C-alpha atoms as a PDB file:
ATOM      1  CA  MET A   1    -114.922 -79.467  26.408  1.00  0.00           C
ATOM      2  CA  ASP A   2    -112.705 -81.845  28.317  1.00  0.00           C
ATOM      3  CA  ILE A   3    -115.145 -84.535  29.976  1.00  0.00           C
ATOM      4  CA  LEU A   4    -112.894 -86.082  32.156  1.00  0.00           C
ATOM      5  CA  SER A   5    -111.968 -82.920  33.934  1.00  0.00           C
ATOM      6  CA  ILE A   6    -115.458 -81.670  34.275  1.00  0.00           C
ATOM      7  CA  GLY A   7    -116.844 -85.245  34.982  1.00  0.00           C
ATOM      8  CA  GLY A   8    -114.069 -85.866  37.515  1.00  0.00           C
ATOM      9  CA  LEU A   9    -114.838 -82.723  39.497  1.00  0.00           C
ATOM     10  CA  ILE A  10    -118.486 -83.381  39.559  1.00  0.00           C
ATOM     11  CA  LEU A  11    -117.874 -86.661  40.552  1.00  0.00           C
ATOM     12  CA  GLY A  12    -115.302 -86.115  43.254  1.00  0.00           C
ATOM     13  CA  PHE A  13    -117.338 -83.192  44.849  1.00  0.00           C
ATOM     14  CA  SER A  14    -120.851 -85.207  44.646  1.00  0.00           C
ATOM     15  CA  SER A  15    -119.179 -88.254  46.303  1.00  0.00           C
ATOM     16  CA  LEU A  16    -118.232 -86.352  49.230  1.00  0.00           C
ATOM     17  CA  LEU A  17    -121.481 -84.756  49.471  1.00  0.00           C
ATOM     18  CA  ILE A  18    -123.592 -88.045  49.196  1.00  0.00           C
ATOM     19  CA  ALA A  19    -121.280 -89.953  51.418  1.00  0.00           C
ATOM     20  CA  PHE A  20    -121.838 -87.056  54.185  1.00  0.00           C
ATOM     21  CA  ILE A  21    -125.893 -87.354  53.480  1.00  0.00           C
ATOM     22  CA  ILE A  22    -125.287 -90.952  53.902  1.00  0.00           C
ATOM     23  CA  GLU A  23    -123.764 -90.690  57.276  1.00  0.00           C
ATOM     24  CA  LYS A  24    -126.845 -88.400  58.281  1.00  0.00           C
ATOM     25  CA  GLY A  25    -124.802 -85.525  57.862  1.00  0.00           C
ATOM     26  CA  ASN A  26    -126.804 -82.002  56.940  1.00  0.00           C
ATOM     27  CA  PRO A  27    -125.451 -80.561  53.891  1.00  0.00           C
ATOM     28  CA  ALA A  28    -126.304 -77.029  55.148  1.00  0.00           C
ATOM     29  CA  LYS A  29    -123.685 -77.534  57.909  1.00  0.00           C
ATOM     30  CA  LEU A  30    -120.951 -77.687  55.194  1.00  0.00           C
ATOM     31  CA  LEU A  31    -121.495 -74.068  53.679  1.00  0.00           C
ATOM     32  CA  GLN A  32    -119.694 -71.897  55.757  1.00  0.00           C
ATOM     33  CA  ILE A  33    -118.575 -68.427  54.320  1.00  0.00           C
ATOM     34  CA  SER A  34    -115.929 -67.755  57.090  1.00  0.00           C
ATOM     35  CA  ALA A  35    -114.167 -71.011  56.282  1.00  0.00           C
ATOM     36  CA  ALA A  36    -114.333 -70.361  52.562  1.00  0.00           C
ATOM     37  CA  MET A  37    -113.051 -66.985  53.005  1.00  0.00           C
ATOM     38  CA  ILE A  38    -110.171 -68.326  55.193  1.00  0.00           C
ATOM     39  CA  VAL A  39    -109.171 -71.257  53.009  1.00  0.00           C
ATOM     40  CA  PHE A  40    -109.787 -69.744  49.537  1.00  0.00           C
ATOM     41  CA  GLY A  41    -108.902 -66.132  50.366  1.00  0.00           C
ATOM     42  CA  GLY A  42    -105.679 -67.406  52.124  1.00  0.00           C
ATOM     43  CA  THR A  43    -104.719 -69.877  49.298  1.00  0.00           C
ATOM     44  CA  ILE A  44    -105.144 -66.970  46.800  1.00  0.00           C
ATOM     45  CA  ALA A  45    -103.142 -64.450  48.750  1.00  0.00           C
ATOM     46  CA  ALA A  46    -100.443 -67.038  49.350  1.00  0.00           C
ATOM     47  CA  VAL A  47    -100.225 -67.559  45.657  1.00  0.00           C
ATOM     48  CA  LEU A  48    -100.038 -63.514  44.841  1.00  0.00           C
ATOM     49  CA  VAL A  49     -97.178 -63.361  47.237  1.00  0.00           C
ATOM     50  CA  SER A  50     -95.274 -66.538  45.957  1.00  0.00           C
ATOM     51  CA  PHE A  51     -95.193 -65.620  42.560  1.00  0.00           C
ATOM     52  CA  PRO A  52     -94.737 -62.360  40.085  1.00  0.00           C
ATOM     53  CA  MET A  53     -97.747 -60.946  38.241  1.00  0.00           C
ATOM     54  CA  SER A  54     -96.590 -62.336  34.820  1.00  0.00           C
ATOM     55  CA  GLN A  55     -96.568 -66.061  36.040  1.00  0.00           C
ATOM     56  CA  ILE A  56     -99.936 -65.499  37.686  1.00  0.00           C
ATOM     57  CA  LYS A  57    -101.286 -64.301  34.274  1.00  0.00           C
ATOM     58  CA  THR A  58     -99.676 -67.024  32.478  1.00  0.00           C
ATOM     59  CA  ALA A  59    -101.704 -69.444  34.931  1.00  0.00           C
ATOM     60  CA  VAL A  60    -104.959 -67.595  34.451  1.00  0.00           C
ATOM     61  CA  LYS A  61    -104.263 -67.740  30.714  1.00  0.00           C
ATOM     62  CA  HIS A  62    -103.629 -71.522  30.368  1.00  0.00           C
ATOM     63  CA  LEU A  63    -106.315 -72.550  33.016  1.00  0.00           C
ATOM     64  CA  LYS A  64    -108.666 -73.162  30.049  1.00  0.00           C
ATOM     65  CA  MET A  65    -106.260 -75.820  29.159  1.00  0.00           C
ATOM     66  CA  VAL A  66    -107.838 -78.016  32.050  1.00  0.00           C
ATOM     67  CA  PHE A  67    -111.291 -77.934  30.689  1.00  0.00           C
ATOM     68  CA  MET A  68    -111.019 -77.658  26.940  1.00  0.00           C
ATOM     69  CA  ASP A  69    -110.088 -80.898  25.004  1.00  0.00           C
ATOM     70  CA  LYS A  70    -107.508 -79.836  22.297  1.00  0.00           C
ATOM     71  CA  LYS A  71    -107.220 -82.662  20.275  1.00  0.00           C
ATOM     72  CA  ILE A  72    -103.590 -83.496  19.245  1.00  0.00           C
ATOM     73  CA  ASP A  73    -103.863 -85.057  15.860  1.00  0.00           C
ATOM     74  CA  PHE A  74    -100.355 -86.753  15.519  1.00  0.00           C
ATOM     75  CA  ALA A  75    -101.619 -88.556  12.746  1.00  0.00           C
ATOM     76  CA  ASN A  76    -102.954 -85.693  10.391  1.00  0.00           C
ATOM     77  CA  VAL A  77     -99.431 -83.941  11.345  1.00  0.00           C
ATOM     78  CA  VAL A  78     -97.443 -86.863  10.191  1.00  0.00           C
ATOM     79  CA  GLU A  79     -99.604 -86.957   6.804  1.00  0.00           C
ATOM     80  CA  GLN A  80     -98.790 -83.102   6.396  1.00  0.00           C
ATOM     81  CA  LEU A  81     -95.040 -83.908   6.624  1.00  0.00           C
ATOM     82  CA  VAL A  82     -95.208 -86.600   4.387  1.00  0.00           C
ATOM     83  CA  GLN A  83     -97.132 -84.662   1.708  1.00  0.00           C
ATOM     84  CA  LEU A  84     -94.592 -81.954   2.168  1.00  0.00           C
ATOM     85  CA  SER A  85     -91.578 -84.327   1.743  1.00  0.00           C
ATOM     86  CA  ASP A  86     -92.969 -85.923  -1.461  1.00  0.00           C
ATOM     87  CA  ARG A  87     -93.498 -82.582  -2.904  1.00  0.00           C
ATOM     88  CA  ALA A  88     -89.975 -81.334  -1.843  1.00  0.00           C
ATOM     89  CA  ARG A  89     -88.455 -84.084  -3.710  1.00  0.00           C
ATOM     90  CA  LYS A  90     -90.475 -83.780  -6.918  1.00  0.00           C
ATOM     91  CA  GLU A  91     -90.630 -79.818  -7.203  1.00  0.00           C
ATOM     92  CA  GLY A  92     -87.699 -78.629  -4.954  1.00  0.00           C
ATOM     93  CA  LEU A  93     -88.039 -76.742  -1.618  1.00  0.00           C
ATOM     94  CA  LEU A  94     -89.117 -73.490  -3.107  1.00  0.00           C
ATOM     95  CA  ALA A  95     -92.256 -75.415  -4.237  1.00  0.00           C
ATOM     96  CA  LEU A  96     -93.154 -75.501  -0.427  1.00  0.00           C
ATOM     97  CA  GLU A  97     -93.570 -71.711  -0.128  1.00  0.00           C
ATOM     98  CA  GLN A  98     -96.950 -72.292  -1.682  1.00  0.00           C
ATOM     99  CA  GLU A  99     -98.040 -74.545   1.269  1.00  0.00           C
ATOM    100  CA  ILE A 100     -96.957 -71.967   4.135  1.00  0.00           C
ATOM    101  CA  PRO A 101    -100.312 -70.087   4.225  1.00  0.00           C
ATOM    102  CA  ASN A 102    -102.245 -73.219   4.322  1.00  0.00           C
ATOM    103  CA  LEU A 103    -100.649 -74.630   7.539  1.00  0.00           C
ATOM    104  CA  GLN A 104    -102.399 -74.426  10.730  1.00  0.00           C
ATOM    105  CA  ASN A 105     -99.797 -75.256  13.446  1.00  0.00           C
ATOM    106  CA  PRO A 106     -97.288 -72.178  14.126  1.00  0.00           C
ATOM    107  CA  LEU A 107     -94.589 -74.097  14.681  1.00  0.00           C
ATOM    108  CA  LEU A 108     -94.639 -75.818  11.254  1.00  0.00           C
ATOM    109  CA  LYS A 109     -95.464 -72.746   9.619  1.00  0.00           C
ATOM    110  CA  LYS A 110     -92.576 -70.946  10.930  1.00  0.00           C
ATOM    111  CA  GLY A 111     -90.081 -73.663  10.637  1.00  0.00           C
ATOM    112  CA  LEU A 112     -91.272 -74.530   6.803  1.00  0.00           C
ATOM    113  CA  GLY A 113     -90.553 -70.895   6.081  1.00  0.00           C
ATOM    114  CA  LEU A 114     -87.071 -71.344   7.527  1.00  0.00           C
ATOM    115  CA  VAL A 115     -86.675 -74.562   5.148  1.00  0.00           C
ATOM    116  CA  VAL A 116     -87.937 -72.578   1.987  1.00  0.00           C
ATOM    117  CA  ASP A 117     -85.443 -69.801   2.975  1.00  0.00           C
ATOM    118  CA  GLY A 118     -82.561 -72.042   2.895  1.00  0.00           C
ATOM    119  CA  ILE A 119     -81.424 -71.628   6.200  1.00  0.00           C
ATOM    120  CA  GLU A 120     -78.858 -74.399   7.524  1.00  0.00           C
ATOM    121  CA  GLY A 121     -80.376 -77.346   9.223  1.00  0.00           C
ATOM    122  CA  GLU A 122     -78.520 -76.791  12.651  1.00  0.00           C
ATOM    123  CA  VAL A 123     -79.665 -73.142  12.686  1.00  0.00           C
ATOM    124  CA  ILE A 124     -83.085 -74.390  11.896  1.00  0.00           C
ATOM    125  CA  ARG A 125     -83.119 -77.023  14.833  1.00  0.00           C
ATOM    126  CA  ASP A 126     -81.816 -74.314  17.192  1.00  0.00           C
ATOM    127  CA  ILE A 127     -84.515 -71.995  16.297  1.00  0.00           C
ATOM    128  CA  LEU A 128     -87.190 -74.380  16.654  1.00  0.00           C
ATOM    129  CA  ASP A 129     -85.780 -76.318  19.554  1.00  0.00           C
ATOM    130  CA  ARG A 130     -85.848 -72.734  21.354  1.00  0.00           C
ATOM    131  CA  GLU A 131     -89.447 -72.266  20.460  1.00  0.00           C
ATOM    132  CA  VAL A 132     -90.318 -75.939  21.839  1.00  0.00           C
ATOM    133  CA  TYR A 133     -88.575 -75.219  25.151  1.00  0.00           C
ATOM    134  CA  LEU A 134     -90.090 -71.531  25.486  1.00  0.00           C
ATOM    135  CA  ALA A 135     -93.729 -73.367  24.540  1.00  0.00           C
ATOM    136  CA  GLU A 136     -93.034 -75.847  27.327  1.00  0.00           C
ATOM    137  CA  ASP A 137     -91.437 -73.817  29.810  1.00  0.00           C
ATOM    138  CA  GLU A 138     -94.544 -71.362  29.631  1.00  0.00           C
ATOM    139  CA  LEU A 139     -97.003 -74.317  30.535  1.00  0.00           C
ATOM    140  CA  LYS A 140     -94.887 -75.432  33.378  1.00  0.00           C
ATOM    141  CA  GLU A 141     -94.637 -72.240  34.848  1.00  0.00           C
ATOM    142  CA  ALA A 142     -98.507 -72.208  34.880  1.00  0.00           C
ATOM    143  CA  ALA A 143     -98.682 -75.478  36.564  1.00  0.00           C
ATOM    144  CA  GLU A 144     -96.583 -74.446  39.107  1.00  0.00           C
ATOM    145  CA  VAL A 145     -98.783 -71.776  40.185  1.00  0.00           C
ATOM    146  CA  PHE A 146    -101.550 -74.186  40.639  1.00  0.00           C
ATOM    147  CA  GLU A 147     -99.415 -77.218  42.589  1.00  0.00           C
ATOM    148  CA  ALA A 148     -98.356 -74.400  44.918  1.00  0.00           C
ATOM    149  CA  ALA A 149    -102.013 -73.448  45.665  1.00  0.00           C
ATOM    150  CA  GLY A 150    -102.584 -77.280  46.489  1.00  0.00           C
ATOM    151  CA  GLY A 151     -99.913 -76.864  48.864  1.00  0.00           C
ATOM    152  CA  TYR A 152    -101.214 -73.728  50.717  1.00  0.00           C
ATOM    153  CA  SER A 153    -104.675 -74.783  50.708  1.00  0.00           C
ATOM    154  CA  PRO A 154    -104.647 -77.710  53.305  1.00  0.00           C
ATOM    155  CA  THR A 155    -102.415 -75.480  55.616  1.00  0.00           C
ATOM    156  CA  MET A 156    -105.070 -72.725  55.324  1.00  0.00           C
ATOM    157  CA  GLY A 157    -107.822 -75.334  56.234  1.00  0.00           C
ATOM    158  CA  ILE A 158    -105.860 -75.999  59.616  1.00  0.00           C
ATOM    159  CA  ILE A 159    -105.339 -72.368  60.285  1.00  0.00           C
ATOM    160  CA  GLY A 160    -109.596 -71.946  59.661  1.00  0.00           C
ATOM    161  CA  THR A 161    -109.914 -74.828  62.073  1.00  0.00           C
ATOM    162  CA  VAL A 162    -107.603 -73.559  64.723  1.00  0.00           C
ATOM    163  CA  MET A 163    -109.275 -70.147  64.559  1.00  0.00           C
ATOM    164  CA  GLY A 164    -112.635 -71.887  64.768  1.00  0.00           C
ATOM    165  CA  LEU A 165    -111.441 -73.690  67.858  1.00  0.00           C
ATOM    166  CA  ILE A 166    -110.073 -70.713  69.348  1.00  0.00           C
ATOM    167  CA  SER A 167    -113.614 -68.929  69.157  1.00  0.00           C
ATOM    168  CA  VAL A 168    -115.438 -71.867  70.461  1.00  0.00           C
ATOM    169  CA  LEU A 169    -113.144 -72.775  73.638  1.00  0.00           C
ATOM    170  CA  SER A 170    -113.308 -68.997  74.499  1.00  0.00           C
ATOM    171  CA  ASN A 171    -117.146 -69.247  75.142  1.00  0.00           C
ATOM    172  CA  LEU A 172    -117.959 -72.647  76.987  1.00  0.00           C
ATOM    173  CA  THR A 173    -121.090 -71.057  78.831  1.00  0.00           C
ATOM    174  CA  ASN A 174    -123.153 -73.642  76.765  1.00  0.00           C
ATOM    175  CA  PRO A 175    -122.043 -77.201  76.707  1.00  0.00           C
ATOM    176  CA  ASP A 176    -124.709 -78.284  74.906  1.00  0.00           C
ATOM    177  CA  GLU A 177    -123.307 -76.129  71.670  1.00  0.00           C
ATOM    178  CA  LEU A 178    -119.913 -77.135  72.052  1.00  0.00           C
ATOM    179  CA  GLY A 179    -120.196 -80.147  69.642  1.00  0.00           C
ATOM    180  CA  PRO A 180    -121.780 -78.788  67.037  1.00  0.00           C
ATOM    181  CA  ALA A 181    -119.461 -75.657  67.021  1.00  0.00           C
ATOM    182  CA  ILE A 182    -116.684 -77.983  66.910  1.00  0.00           C
ATOM    183  CA  ALA A 183    -117.739 -79.633  64.095  1.00  0.00           C
ATOM    184  CA  VAL A 184    -118.128 -76.194  61.963  1.00  0.00           C
ATOM    185  CA  ALA A 185    -114.829 -75.496  62.802  1.00  0.00           C
ATOM    186  CA  PHE A 186    -113.512 -78.489  61.085  1.00  0.00           C
ATOM    187  CA  VAL A 187    -115.303 -77.781  57.723  1.00  0.00           C
ATOM    188  CA  ALA A 188    -112.379 -75.275  57.013  1.00  0.00           C
ATOM    189  CA  THR A 189    -110.147 -78.327  57.280  1.00  0.00           C
ATOM    190  CA  LEU A 190    -112.579 -80.289  54.735  1.00  0.00           C
ATOM    191  CA  TYR A 191    -112.344 -77.150  52.467  1.00  0.00           C
ATOM    192  CA  GLY A 192    -108.679 -76.983  52.609  1.00  0.00           C
ATOM    193  CA  VAL A 193    -107.878 -80.623  51.791  1.00  0.00           C
ATOM    194  CA  SER A 194    -110.723 -81.351  49.260  1.00  0.00           C
ATOM    195  CA  SER A 195    -109.842 -78.310  47.106  1.00  0.00           C
ATOM    196  CA  ALA A 196    -106.135 -79.443  47.159  1.00  0.00           C
ATOM    197  CA  ASN A 197    -106.895 -82.894  46.136  1.00  0.00           C
ATOM    198  CA  LEU A 198    -109.643 -82.196  43.805  1.00  0.00           C
ATOM    199  CA  ILE A 199    -108.735 -78.916  42.301  1.00  0.00           C
ATOM    200  CA  TRP A 200    -105.541 -77.305  42.690  1.00  0.00           C
ATOM    201  CA  LEU A 201    -102.940 -80.236  42.544  1.00  0.00           C
ATOM    202  CA  ASN A 202    -105.265 -81.813  39.508  1.00  0.00           C
ATOM    203  CA  PHE A 203    -105.250 -78.458  37.460  1.00  0.00           C
ATOM    204  CA  GLY A 204    -101.570 -78.459  37.632  1.00  0.00           C
ATOM    205  CA  LYS A 205    -101.198 -82.332  36.715  1.00  0.00           C
ATOM    206  CA  LYS A 206    -103.381 -81.651  33.719  1.00  0.00           C
ATOM    207  CA  ILE A 207    -101.508 -78.849  32.644  1.00  0.00           C
ATOM    208  CA  LYS A 208     -98.425 -80.620  32.753  1.00  0.00           C
ATOM    209  CA  THR A 209     -99.680 -83.860  31.258  1.00  0.00           C
ATOM    210  CA  LYS A 210    -100.995 -81.841  28.076  1.00  0.00           C
ATOM    211  CA  ALA A 211     -97.765 -79.748  27.938  1.00  0.00           C
ATOM    212  CA  LYS A 212     -96.046 -83.336  27.457  1.00  0.00           C
ATOM    213  CA  GLN A 213     -98.215 -84.262  24.494  1.00  0.00           C
ATOM    214  CA  GLU A 214     -97.884 -80.828  23.114  1.00  0.00           C
ATOM    215  CA  ARG A 215     -93.766 -81.151  23.184  1.00  0.00           C
ATOM    216  CA  MET A 216     -93.989 -84.561  21.462  1.00  0.00           C
ATOM    217  CA  LEU A 217     -96.111 -82.898  18.643  1.00  0.00           C
ATOM    218  CA  ASN A 218     -93.380 -80.068  18.509  1.00  0.00           C
ATOM    219  CA  GLU A 219     -90.478 -82.636  18.334  1.00  0.00           C
ATOM    220  CA  ILE A 220     -91.995 -84.608  15.594  1.00  0.00           C
ATOM    221  CA  ILE A 221     -92.653 -81.420  13.576  1.00  0.00           C
ATOM    222  CA  VAL A 222     -88.940 -80.299  14.075  1.00  0.00           C
ATOM    223  CA  GLU A 223     -87.596 -83.794  12.886  1.00  0.00           C
ATOM    224  CA  GLY A 224     -89.777 -83.907  10.299  1.00  0.00           C
ATOM    225  CA  LEU A 225     -88.935 -80.365   8.887  1.00  0.00           C
ATOM    226  CA  LEU A 226     -85.256 -81.541   9.087  1.00  0.00           C
ATOM    227  CA  SER A 227     -85.858 -84.596   7.227  1.00  0.00           C
ATOM    228  CA  ILE A 228     -87.561 -82.522   4.436  1.00  0.00           C
ATOM    229  CA  GLN A 229     -84.556 -79.911   4.283  1.00  0.00           C
ATOM    230  CA  ALA A 230     -82.329 -82.785   4.139  1.00  0.00           C
ATOM    231  CA  GLY A 231     -84.053 -84.423   1.197  1.00  0.00           C
ATOM    232  CA  GLU A 232     -84.797 -87.853   2.914  1.00  0.00           C
ATOM    233  CA  ASN A 233     -87.397 -89.921   1.216  1.00  0.00           C
ATOM    234  CA  PRO A 234     -90.994 -89.641   2.495  1.00  0.00           C
ATOM    235  CA  ARG A 235     -91.203 -93.302   3.504  1.00  0.00           C
ATOM    236  CA  ILE A 236     -88.166 -92.940   5.644  1.00  0.00           C
ATOM    237  CA  LEU A 237     -89.662 -89.803   7.364  1.00  0.00           C
ATOM    238  CA  ARG A 238     -92.723 -91.919   8.192  1.00  0.00           C
ATOM    239  CA  GLU A 239     -90.899 -94.634   9.564  1.00  0.00           C
ATOM    240  CA  LYS A 240     -88.852 -92.247  11.921  1.00  0.00           C
ATOM    241  CA  ILE A 241     -91.608 -90.216  13.029  1.00  0.00           C
ATOM    242  CA  GLY A 242     -93.737 -93.211  13.549  1.00  0.00           C
ATOM    243  CA  GLY A 243     -90.755 -94.678  15.872  1.00  0.00           C
ATOM    244  CA  MET A 244     -90.626 -91.561  17.565  1.00  0.00           C
ATOM    245  CA  ILE A 245     -94.461 -91.487  18.509  1.00  0.00           C
ATOM    246  CA  LYS A 246     -94.145 -95.515  19.467  1.00  0.00           C
ATOM    247  CA  GLU A 247     -91.263 -94.841  21.675  1.00  0.00           C
ATOM    248  CA  ALA A 248     -92.928 -91.866  23.354  1.00  0.00           C
ATOM    249  CA  GLY A 249     -96.207 -93.655  23.889  1.00  0.00           C
ATOM    250  CA  GLN A 250     -94.145 -96.513  25.670  1.00  0.00           C
ATOM    251  CA  LYS A 251     -92.354 -94.090  27.682  1.00  0.00           C
ATOM    252  CA  GLN A 252     -95.856 -92.372  28.776  1.00  0.00           C
ATOM    253  CA  GLY A 253     -97.312 -95.663  29.708  1.00  0.00           C
ATOM    254  CA  GLN A 254     -94.729 -96.815  31.690  1.00  0.00           C
ATOM    255  CA  ALA A 255     -94.608 -93.555  33.806  1.00  0.00           C
ATOM    256  CA  GLN A 256     -98.376 -93.542  34.104  1.00  0.00           C
ATOM    257  CA  GLU A 257     -98.747 -97.497  34.656  1.00  0.00           C
ATOM    258  CA  PRO A 258     -99.254 -97.355  38.482  1.00  0.00           C
ATOM    259  CA  ALA A 259    -102.306 -94.861  38.148  1.00  0.00           C
ATOM    260  CA  GLY A 260    -103.607 -96.846  35.009  1.00  0.00           C
ATOM    261  CA  ALA A 261    -103.870 -93.843  32.870  1.00  0.00           C
ATOM    262  CA  THR A 262    -103.336 -93.588  28.999  1.00  0.00           C
ATOM    263  CA  VAL A 263    -101.997 -90.898  26.946  1.00  0.00           C
ATOM    264  CA  GLY A 264    -105.055 -88.631  25.505  1.00  0.00           C
ATOM    265  CA  GLY A 265    -106.116 -85.182  25.659  1.00  0.00           C
END
């Protein structure tokens, strides 16, 4: 489980609730079925109108990435590539065919099969780069759905508030109930803004972040396989891949420096 995602959601919503109670608010007033129907139902409806069913299914499929902490073990992949390179130099590329069934990473397994089959390096790169691109593009499509929901949600909250105010202002026979009724109407805005900033936008960002990590791993695999196919020294392969990891880590750190984030699952 991704503790950061689960803990962040719990901390975010509990902070809002506790702050509301501190200000002497009644938590029961925040539970408004009509506001929830307008905000969440309207947001989902807008998403369904905006995207094809195939992309909606992709988003649902990859939602688990937000809550599942899939460890990306760069060190283990590097060691696998170095060991494969060492065996290839000692026994030849055909000897690597015995290693294919033991590999867990699908890209590494497919790429090593191409290497063993004697496919040219440029052809291997084209095939694997296409696989890397398609995998990343699928995750970006999933993230796009959640980011769109984050854009629609606040607007639906405003619509819910306006609808509530229309209902309140159309019946002013009891001035004593005017204040509480207006307060209830604003619950829809709270639902819309809080769900956008604590759920939808963050889901999209999380998927994109993990997509970048998986792309970096896949690029390392591609370069490693091409080095093996070219017969490079295992020590050179290790240095080359190590440089790629270091460079990618520096770029990731610079990109996220303002937010104080670090690379991680």
